[in-house]
Amino acid sequence: MAHSAVSQVSVTPAVYSDPSLRRSVLKTNSLSFRDKSWISVSSFVLKSNNVQSRNQSIVSMSVQQVSKPKVAVSPLELEDAKVPPLNTYKPKEPYTATIASVERIVGPKAPGETCHIVIDHGGNVPYWEGQSYGVIPPILGSCPSDPLGWMYLDRHIVLLIVIELDYYAATKILPVDTGENPKKPGAPHNVRLYSIASSRYGDSFDGKTTSLCVRRAVYYDPETGKEDPSKNGVCSNFLCDSKPGDKIKITGPSGKIMLLPEDDESATHIMIATGTGVAPYRGYLRRMFMEGVPTFKFNGLAWLFLGVANTDSLLYDDEFTKYLQDYPDNFRYDRALSREQKNKNGGKMYVQDKIEEYSDEIFRLLDGGAHIYFCGLKGMMPGIQDTLKRVAEQRGESWEEKLAQLKKNKQWHVEVY
């Protein structure tokens, strides 16, 4: 299996008072996760401690918080819209964007491959944090009218979501003349979406790119144990194998359930993710802690729970650790590493175990109006719901009534697949 290409240029984000100077440096480039020069040396203090600390939850550090410079962003007109952009580009008329960079962002011991993919849309497909893009993957062919050498499924498109272990999202590549859904003969493929993993200004801070966090979907035959390429995820493999300069057809943006409420800058946001479900939270956190947005001065609490298999599977860990160091009063970060940590009963540590560990505090924050978000595989929700119900009963509360109230107050945000 071919590995993804990486961006040829790494940049160091900085604060520029002159927007034109900032654009000249960052216009076409994106952050490289292999080049950590944008993170101050002090951020590595955390890594110099005992290696075992990597397997433990990180909570607020006992250091005095100081005002940190932030990265200038533009165009600030992106703040003017009162409602989020929705379906600017539709499946019948998608936008043709360009791959800017593709980079593997997990270590060698991670099960599977996850890539950070930056797409240059030229500022023509604006979006808000928490929204999604659709991607139309090409299939190899020979269509004289297509200068790219690809044949698209036209209206019978395949849009695949960022799904961890999404082995069944797509099966064999279908003939162009049918475009049928193998699970529903006569029907087109299901429409699926990718959660956006950047703020509205993108990784280049100029409003011209978007980022996706994509796990390569590979299918292994349960009987032979061998990979079956015919059942691999069409879109995830297309994206992870893309090279800078490749063209990509996108639709959207779409979605409102995961939009970041900004009416209260002192609000509490509890974010729970498994794997690539961390994508929308990266956008939230960049907006809160990295970018200098004049109209949004976050001074509340953002608390991230991230569940992955092991340390090598952690996504954007250096960014999150940097926020923890720079904003200890406003950011908390807990990691559940199922193959490295044990819960209180000696079993594997999952995000629901971390939730139970901090349940009293979480319930108190929810009672105070905190927003709680869930993003990742839908299989994570039953365990989380069971944990929350058990904790509620221990507190003498009805979870059903509490959940209904959270939904009524628009504090409950779920996007699972």
Protein backbone atom coordinates (compact mmCIF):
# COMPACT_ATOMS: atom_id res chain seq x y z
CA MET A 1 0.00 0.00 0.00
CA ALA A 2 1.46 3.35 -0.99
CA HIS A 3 2.00 5.91 1.71
CA SER A 4 0.76 9.46 1.32
CA ALA A 5 2.94 12.28 0.08
CA VAL A 6 3.82 15.11 2.40
CA SER A 7 3.88 18.82 1.82
CA GLN A 8 7.19 20.02 0.42
CA VAL A 9 7.20 23.17 2.49
CA SER A 10 6.78 23.60 6.23
CA VAL A 11 6.01 26.98 7.73
CA THR A 12 6.21 28.55 11.12
CA PRO A 13 3.05 30.50 11.98
CA ALA A 14 3.79 33.82 13.58
CA VAL A 15 2.07 37.03 14.46
CA TYR A 16 2.25 39.70 11.80
CA SER A 17 0.86 43.17 12.27
CA ASP A 18 0.99 43.70 8.50
CA PRO A 19 -1.55 41.36 6.88
CA SER A 20 0.16 41.56 3.50
CA LEU A 21 3.41 40.29 5.03
CA ARG A 22 1.59 37.41 6.72
CA ARG A 23 -0.10 36.43 3.48
CA SER A 24 3.18 36.42 1.59
CA VAL A 25 4.48 33.76 3.95
CA LEU A 26 1.38 31.66 4.55
CA LYS A 27 -0.70 32.02 1.42
CA THR A 28 -0.10 28.61 -0.14
CA ASN A 29 1.49 26.60 2.64
CA SER A 30 0.20 24.65 5.61
CA LEU A 31 1.52 23.52 8.94
CA SER A 32 3.60 20.38 8.90
CA PHE A 33 3.15 18.05 11.84
CA ARG A 34 6.68 16.81 11.39
CA ASP A 35 8.11 20.29 11.76
CA LYS A 36 7.22 21.40 15.27
CA SER A 37 9.15 24.67 15.06
CA TRP A 38 5.91 26.63 15.38
CA ILE A 39 5.55 25.29 18.90
CA SER A 40 7.70 27.15 21.40
CA VAL A 41 10.53 25.26 23.05
CA SER A 42 8.76 25.58 26.39
CA SER A 43 6.01 23.30 25.11
CA PHE A 44 8.40 20.39 25.21
CA VAL A 45 8.79 20.60 28.98
CA LEU A 46 5.85 18.25 29.20
CA LYS A 47 7.67 15.69 27.06
CA SER A 48 10.79 15.72 29.21
CA ASN A 49 8.98 14.17 32.12
CA ASN A 50 8.67 10.46 32.76
CA VAL A 51 7.54 8.65 29.62
CA GLN A 52 4.70 7.15 31.60
CA SER A 53 3.11 10.59 31.77
CA ARG A 54 2.21 10.13 28.11
CA ASN A 55 -0.21 7.43 29.20
CA GLN A 56 -1.87 9.48 31.89
CA SER A 57 -4.54 12.13 31.61
CA ILE A 58 -3.33 15.70 31.35
CA VAL A 59 -5.09 18.28 33.48
CA SER A 60 -4.52 21.96 34.09
CA MET A 61 -0.91 22.81 34.87
CA SER A 62 -0.06 24.81 37.96
CA VAL A 63 1.65 27.67 36.16
CA GLN A 64 0.56 31.26 35.96
CA GLN A 65 -1.23 32.00 32.73
CA VAL A 66 0.05 34.93 30.74
CA SER A 67 -1.27 36.67 27.67
CA LYS A 68 -0.03 34.83 24.59
CA PRO A 69 0.32 36.38 21.14
CA LYS A 70 -1.96 34.89 18.53
CA VAL A 71 -1.75 34.42 14.78
CA ALA A 72 -3.26 37.16 12.63
CA VAL A 73 -6.04 35.93 10.34
CA SER A 74 -7.79 37.26 7.27
CA PRO A 75 -10.06 38.13 5.64
CA LEU A 76 -11.99 39.31 8.68
CA GLU A 77 -15.06 39.56 6.44
CA LEU A 78 -15.50 35.88 7.26
CA GLU A 79 -16.82 37.10 10.62
CA ASP A 80 -19.56 39.22 9.05
CA ALA A 81 -22.05 36.50 8.12
CA LYS A 82 -24.90 36.08 10.60
CA VAL A 83 -25.79 32.59 9.44
CA PRO A 84 -23.49 29.73 8.41
CA PRO A 85 -22.93 29.02 4.72
CA LEU A 86 -24.86 25.94 3.63
CA ASN A 87 -24.59 23.85 0.45
CA THR A 88 -22.81 26.51 -1.59
CA TYR A 89 -21.80 23.72 -3.94
CA LYS A 90 -24.07 20.77 -4.59
CA PRO A 91 -23.34 17.28 -5.92
CA LYS A 92 -24.50 18.12 -9.45
CA GLU A 93 -22.24 21.17 -9.57
CA PRO A 94 -19.29 20.57 -7.23
CA TYR A 95 -16.32 22.87 -6.81
CA THR A 96 -12.95 21.72 -8.16
CA ALA A 97 -10.33 22.39 -5.51
CA THR A 98 -6.63 21.50 -5.28
CA ILE A 99 -4.80 19.26 -2.84
CA ALA A 100 -2.22 21.42 -1.04
CA SER A 101 -0.63 18.76 1.17
CA VAL A 102 -1.11 15.26 2.53
CA GLU A 103 0.70 14.12 5.65
CA ARG A 104 0.56 11.02 7.79
CA ILE A 105 0.05 12.18 11.37
CA VAL A 106 0.22 8.96 13.40
CA GLY A 107 3.25 7.04 14.58
CA PRO A 108 4.52 3.66 13.38
CA LYS A 109 2.74 1.74 16.14
CA ALA A 110 -0.69 3.17 15.40
CA PRO A 111 -3.17 0.63 14.05
CA GLY A 112 -3.93 1.98 10.60
CA GLU A 113 -2.98 5.19 8.87
CA THR A 114 -4.47 8.63 9.45
CA CYS A 115 -3.62 11.60 7.25
CA HIS A 116 -4.03 15.36 7.57
CA ILE A 117 -5.11 16.69 4.20
CA VAL A 118 -5.09 20.38 3.31
CA ILE A 119 -7.31 21.45 0.41
CA ASP A 120 -6.96 24.79 -1.36
CA HIS A 121 -10.39 26.13 -2.31
CA GLY A 122 -9.18 29.64 -3.10
CA GLY A 123 -11.61 31.18 -0.61
CA ASN A 124 -14.55 30.11 -2.76
CA VAL A 125 -16.06 27.53 -0.40
CA PRO A 126 -16.21 29.28 2.99
CA TYR A 127 -17.39 27.33 6.02
CA TRP A 128 -17.73 27.57 9.79
CA GLU A 129 -16.12 25.47 12.47
CA GLY A 130 -18.04 22.22 12.98
CA GLN A 131 -19.29 21.91 9.39
CA SER A 132 -18.48 19.25 6.80
CA TYR A 133 -17.42 18.98 3.18
CA GLY A 134 -18.51 16.36 0.70
CA VAL A 135 -15.85 14.78 -1.48
CA ILE A 136 -16.52 13.14 -4.85
CA PRO A 137 -13.83 10.53 -5.44
CA PRO A 138 -12.85 9.81 -9.04
CA ILE A 139 -12.55 6.37 -10.57
CA LEU A 140 -9.89 5.53 -13.13
CA GLY A 141 -11.05 5.66 -16.69
CA SER A 142 -10.45 7.18 -20.08
CA CYS A 143 -12.88 9.95 -20.76
CA PRO A 144 -11.69 12.25 -23.60
CA SER A 145 -13.74 15.14 -22.24
CA ASP A 146 -12.04 14.95 -18.84
CA PRO A 147 -8.57 16.57 -18.96
CA LEU A 148 -7.72 15.07 -15.57
CA GLY A 149 -7.91 11.56 -16.96
CA TRP A 150 -10.62 10.64 -14.45
CA MET A 151 -14.23 9.70 -14.89
CA TYR A 152 -16.56 10.87 -12.13
CA LEU A 153 -19.78 9.18 -11.18
CA ASP A 154 -21.59 12.41 -12.05
CA ARG A 155 -24.85 12.45 -10.14
CA HIS A 156 -24.31 8.90 -8.93
CA ILE A 157 -21.55 10.05 -6.61
CA VAL A 158 -19.73 8.52 -3.72
CA LEU A 159 -19.30 10.74 -0.70
CA LEU A 160 -17.50 9.02 2.12
CA ILE A 161 -17.36 10.23 5.71
CA VAL A 162 -14.27 10.30 7.87
CA ILE A 163 -14.96 7.01 9.59
CA GLU A 164 -12.49 5.22 11.79
CA LEU A 165 -12.42 1.59 10.70
CA ASP A 166 -14.83 2.40 7.86
CA TYR A 167 -14.32 -0.89 6.09
CA TYR A 168 -17.81 -1.11 4.69
CA ALA A 169 -18.39 2.42 3.38
CA ALA A 170 -17.52 1.39 -0.15
CA THR A 171 -17.08 -1.90 -1.96
CA LYS A 172 -15.95 -2.61 -5.49
CA ILE A 173 -15.50 0.30 -7.87
CA LEU A 174 -18.59 0.32 -10.02
CA PRO A 175 -18.88 0.74 -13.78
CA VAL A 176 -19.55 4.32 -14.77
CA ASP A 177 -22.70 3.42 -16.65
CA THR A 178 -24.46 2.14 -13.49
CA GLY A 179 -23.13 3.92 -10.39
CA GLU A 180 -25.34 1.63 -8.36
CA ASN A 181 -25.25 1.12 -4.63
CA PRO A 182 -24.39 -2.58 -4.17
CA LYS A 183 -26.49 -2.67 -1.02
CA LYS A 184 -29.48 -1.11 -2.80
CA PRO A 185 -29.56 -2.17 -6.45
CA GLY A 186 -30.93 0.55 -8.65
CA ALA A 187 -30.10 3.30 -6.15
CA PRO A 188 -27.07 5.64 -6.19
CA HIS A 189 -24.37 5.49 -3.54
CA ASN A 190 -25.16 6.94 -0.13
CA VAL A 191 -24.07 10.53 0.47
CA ARG A 192 -21.44 10.85 3.21
CA LEU A 193 -19.40 13.77 4.55
CA TYR A 194 -16.02 14.67 6.02
CA SER A 195 -15.90 16.75 9.19
CA ILE A 196 -13.66 19.77 8.68
CA ALA A 197 -10.56 19.81 10.88
CA SER A 198 -9.66 23.49 10.66
CA SER A 199 -11.10 26.85 11.53
CA ARG A 200 -12.74 28.97 8.84
CA TYR A 201 -9.33 30.54 8.15
CA GLY A 202 -7.69 27.22 7.37
CA ASP A 203 -4.18 26.09 8.24
CA SER A 204 -2.71 29.01 6.29
CA PHE A 205 -4.84 31.55 8.18
CA ASP A 206 -5.97 33.25 4.97
CA GLY A 207 -9.41 31.73 4.49
CA LYS A 208 -8.36 29.84 1.37
CA THR A 209 -7.87 26.30 2.63
CA THR A 210 -9.65 23.65 4.61
CA SER A 211 -8.28 20.56 6.33
CA LEU A 212 -9.60 17.02 6.67
CA CYS A 213 -8.51 14.31 9.10
CA VAL A 214 -8.83 11.03 7.20
CA ARG A 215 -8.21 7.49 8.34
CA ARG A 216 -7.37 5.19 5.45
CA ALA A 217 -10.15 2.59 5.29
CA VAL A 218 -8.64 -0.81 4.57
CA TYR A 219 -10.59 -4.07 4.56
CA TYR A 220 -9.08 -7.35 5.68
CA ASP A 221 -10.82 -10.62 4.86
CA PRO A 222 -11.75 -12.24 8.20
CA GLU A 223 -11.05 -15.70 6.82
CA THR A 224 -7.71 -15.16 5.10
CA GLY A 225 -6.52 -12.19 7.13
CA LYS A 226 -5.35 -10.58 3.90
CA GLU A 227 -6.24 -7.16 2.58
CA ASP A 228 -9.00 -7.07 -0.03
CA PRO A 229 -8.40 -3.90 -2.09
CA SER A 230 -11.78 -4.25 -3.79
CA LYS A 231 -13.46 -3.48 -0.48
CA ASN A 232 -11.19 -0.67 0.65
CA GLY A 233 -12.74 2.75 1.22
CA VAL A 234 -12.73 4.46 -2.17
CA CYS A 235 -12.63 8.03 -0.92
CA SER A 236 -10.30 7.66 2.04
CA ASN A 237 -7.71 5.88 -0.09
CA PHE A 238 -8.11 8.46 -2.86
CA LEU A 239 -7.45 11.25 -0.36
CA CYS A 240 -4.58 9.58 1.48
CA ASP A 241 -2.88 8.74 -1.83
CA SER A 242 -3.33 12.24 -3.27
CA LYS A 243 -0.37 14.44 -4.10
CA PRO A 244 -0.03 18.23 -3.89
CA GLY A 245 -1.54 19.70 -7.04
CA ASP A 246 -4.10 16.95 -7.56
CA LYS A 247 -7.64 18.12 -8.25
CA ILE A 248 -10.55 17.20 -6.00
CA LYS A 249 -14.28 17.81 -6.38
CA ILE A 250 -16.00 19.00 -3.21
CA THR A 251 -19.52 19.93 -2.13
CA GLY A 252 -20.95 21.81 0.81
CA PRO A 253 -20.36 23.02 3.37
CA SER A 254 -23.11 21.31 5.34
CA GLY A 255 -24.24 20.78 8.90
CA LYS A 256 -25.36 22.91 11.82
CA ILE A 257 -25.53 20.53 14.80
CA MET A 258 -21.81 20.87 15.61
CA LEU A 259 -21.49 24.63 15.12
CA LEU A 260 -19.61 26.31 17.96
CA PRO A 261 -21.97 28.59 19.93
CA GLU A 262 -20.22 31.95 20.31
CA ASP A 263 -22.89 34.04 21.98
CA ASP A 264 -21.22 33.47 25.36
CA GLU A 265 -17.43 33.78 25.26
CA SER A 266 -17.18 32.48 28.84
CA ALA A 267 -19.12 29.28 28.15
CA THR A 268 -17.86 25.77 28.92
CA HIS A 269 -17.43 23.31 26.05
CA ILE A 270 -16.93 19.61 26.84
CA MET A 271 -15.70 17.79 23.71
CA ILE A 272 -15.65 14.00 23.49
CA ALA A 273 -14.09 12.22 20.52
CA THR A 274 -12.85 8.88 19.31
CA GLY A 275 -10.19 8.85 16.60
CA THR A 276 -10.81 11.16 13.68
CA GLY A 277 -13.90 12.44 15.48
CA VAL A 278 -11.51 15.00 16.94
CA ALA A 279 -11.63 16.89 13.63
CA PRO A 280 -14.24 19.57 14.48
CA TYR A 281 -12.67 20.16 17.89
CA ARG A 282 -9.35 21.04 16.29
CA GLY A 283 -11.19 23.82 14.46
CA TYR A 284 -12.83 25.02 17.68
CA LEU A 285 -9.55 25.07 19.59
CA ARG A 286 -7.58 26.88 16.91
CA ARG A 287 -10.26 29.57 16.92
CA MET A 288 -10.23 29.76 20.71
CA PHE A 289 -6.50 29.66 21.40
CA MET A 290 -4.36 30.08 18.26
CA GLU A 291 -6.04 32.70 16.11
CA GLY A 292 -6.36 36.40 16.79
CA VAL A 293 -10.03 36.90 15.94
CA PRO A 294 -11.05 40.42 17.04
CA THR A 295 -14.72 39.52 17.40
CA PHE A 296 -14.20 36.33 19.43
CA LYS A 297 -12.27 36.50 22.70
CA PHE A 298 -12.78 33.13 24.35
CA ASN A 299 -12.35 33.15 28.12
CA GLY A 300 -14.39 30.12 29.11
CA LEU A 301 -13.38 26.47 29.52
CA ALA A 302 -12.71 23.96 26.73
CA TRP A 303 -12.31 20.38 27.94
CA LEU A 304 -11.26 17.70 25.43
CA PHE A 305 -11.59 13.95 25.94
CA LEU A 306 -9.86 11.97 23.17
CA GLY A 307 -10.03 8.19 22.86
CA VAL A 308 -7.54 6.33 20.66
CA ALA A 309 -5.73 2.99 20.72
CA ASN A 310 -2.28 4.08 21.87
CA THR A 311 0.16 6.96 22.12
CA ASP A 312 1.16 6.68 18.46
CA SER A 313 -2.51 7.09 17.51
CA LEU A 314 -2.91 10.48 19.17
CA LEU A 315 -4.00 13.15 16.69
CA TYR A 316 -2.82 16.78 16.89
CA ASP A 317 -1.40 16.03 20.33
CA ASP A 318 1.32 18.70 20.09
CA GLU A 319 -1.22 21.40 19.31
CA PHE A 320 -3.44 20.39 22.21
CA THR A 321 -0.51 20.11 24.60
CA LYS A 322 0.61 23.61 23.61
CA TYR A 323 -2.83 25.02 24.42
CA LEU A 324 -2.71 23.26 27.76
CA GLN A 325 0.57 24.94 28.58
CA ASP A 326 -0.41 28.39 27.34
CA TYR A 327 -3.99 28.45 28.63
CA PRO A 328 -4.13 26.25 31.76
CA ASP A 329 -7.15 28.11 33.12
CA ASN A 330 -9.14 27.65 29.92
CA PHE A 331 -8.19 24.24 28.54
CA ARG A 332 -8.19 20.69 29.88
CA TYR A 333 -7.11 17.62 27.99
CA ASP A 334 -7.73 13.97 28.89
CA ARG A 335 -6.67 11.04 26.76
CA ALA A 336 -8.06 7.51 26.89
CA LEU A 337 -5.56 5.04 25.40
CA SER A 338 -7.37 1.72 25.20
CA ARG A 339 -4.29 -0.41 24.55
CA GLU A 340 -2.06 1.28 27.11
CA GLN A 341 -4.26 2.34 30.02
CA LYS A 342 -6.53 0.46 32.39
CA ASN A 343 -9.80 1.68 33.87
CA LYS A 344 -10.64 1.33 37.54
CA ASN A 345 -11.86 -2.23 36.98
CA GLY A 346 -8.71 -3.34 35.22
CA GLY A 347 -10.23 -3.26 31.74
CA LYS A 348 -9.31 -1.17 28.72
CA MET A 349 -9.59 2.57 29.13
CA TYR A 350 -12.23 4.13 26.89
CA VAL A 351 -13.62 7.66 26.78
CA GLN A 352 -16.67 6.62 28.83
CA ASP A 353 -14.29 5.55 31.61
CA LYS A 354 -12.74 9.02 31.60
CA ILE A 355 -16.21 10.54 31.68
CA GLU A 356 -17.09 8.43 34.70
CA GLU A 357 -13.83 9.44 36.38
CA TYR A 358 -14.84 13.10 36.16
CA SER A 359 -18.60 12.56 36.27
CA ASP A 360 -19.35 14.77 39.28
CA GLU A 361 -17.56 17.71 37.70
CA ILE A 362 -19.10 17.09 34.28
CA PHE A 363 -22.62 16.95 35.70
CA ARG A 364 -21.98 20.13 37.67
CA LEU A 365 -20.80 21.91 34.53
CA LEU A 366 -23.81 20.68 32.56
CA ASP A 367 -26.10 21.95 35.29
CA GLY A 368 -24.37 25.28 34.86
CA GLY A 369 -25.11 25.43 31.14
CA ALA A 370 -22.06 23.73 29.59
CA HIS A 371 -22.26 22.44 26.04
CA ILE A 372 -21.25 18.81 25.47
CA TYR A 373 -20.24 17.41 22.07
CA PHE A 374 -19.75 13.86 20.81
CA CYS A 375 -18.02 13.03 17.54
CA GLY A 376 -16.69 9.71 16.27
CA LEU A 377 -17.91 6.18 15.69
CA LYS A 378 -21.53 5.69 16.65
CA GLY A 379 -20.43 2.62 18.58
CA MET A 380 -19.04 4.89 21.28
CA MET A 381 -22.46 6.28 22.24
CA PRO A 382 -24.08 3.26 23.95
CA GLY A 383 -21.21 2.96 26.41
CA ILE A 384 -21.23 6.69 27.07
CA GLN A 385 -25.01 6.78 27.50
CA ASP A 386 -24.88 3.82 29.90
CA THR A 387 -22.19 5.55 31.93
CA LEU A 388 -24.10 8.84 32.11
CA LYS A 389 -27.31 7.02 33.07
CA ARG A 390 -25.55 5.08 35.83
CA VAL A 391 -23.94 8.23 37.20
CA ALA A 392 -27.27 10.09 37.10
CA GLU A 393 -28.98 7.32 39.04
CA GLN A 394 -26.21 7.37 41.63
CA ARG A 395 -26.90 11.06 42.03
CA GLY A 396 -30.61 10.42 42.42
CA GLU A 397 -31.46 11.92 39.03
CA SER A 398 -33.35 10.65 36.01
CA TRP A 399 -31.03 10.52 33.04
CA GLU A 400 -33.93 10.54 30.58
CA GLU A 401 -35.25 13.77 32.07
CA LYS A 402 -31.80 15.31 32.22
CA LEU A 403 -31.04 14.40 28.62
CA ALA A 404 -34.35 15.85 27.46
CA GLN A 405 -33.51 19.09 29.25
CA LEU A 406 -30.02 19.24 27.72
CA LYS A 407 -31.49 18.82 24.26
CA LYS A 408 -34.15 21.42 24.94
CA ASN A 409 -31.47 23.88 26.07
CA LYS A 410 -29.37 23.07 22.96
CA GLN A 411 -26.47 21.90 25.13
CA TRP A 412 -26.32 18.41 23.58
CA HIS A 413 -24.44 18.05 20.26
CA VAL A 414 -23.94 14.65 18.62
CA GLU A 415 -22.38 13.76 15.27
CA VAL A 416 -21.52 10.08 15.09
CA TYR A 417 -21.36 7.68 12.17
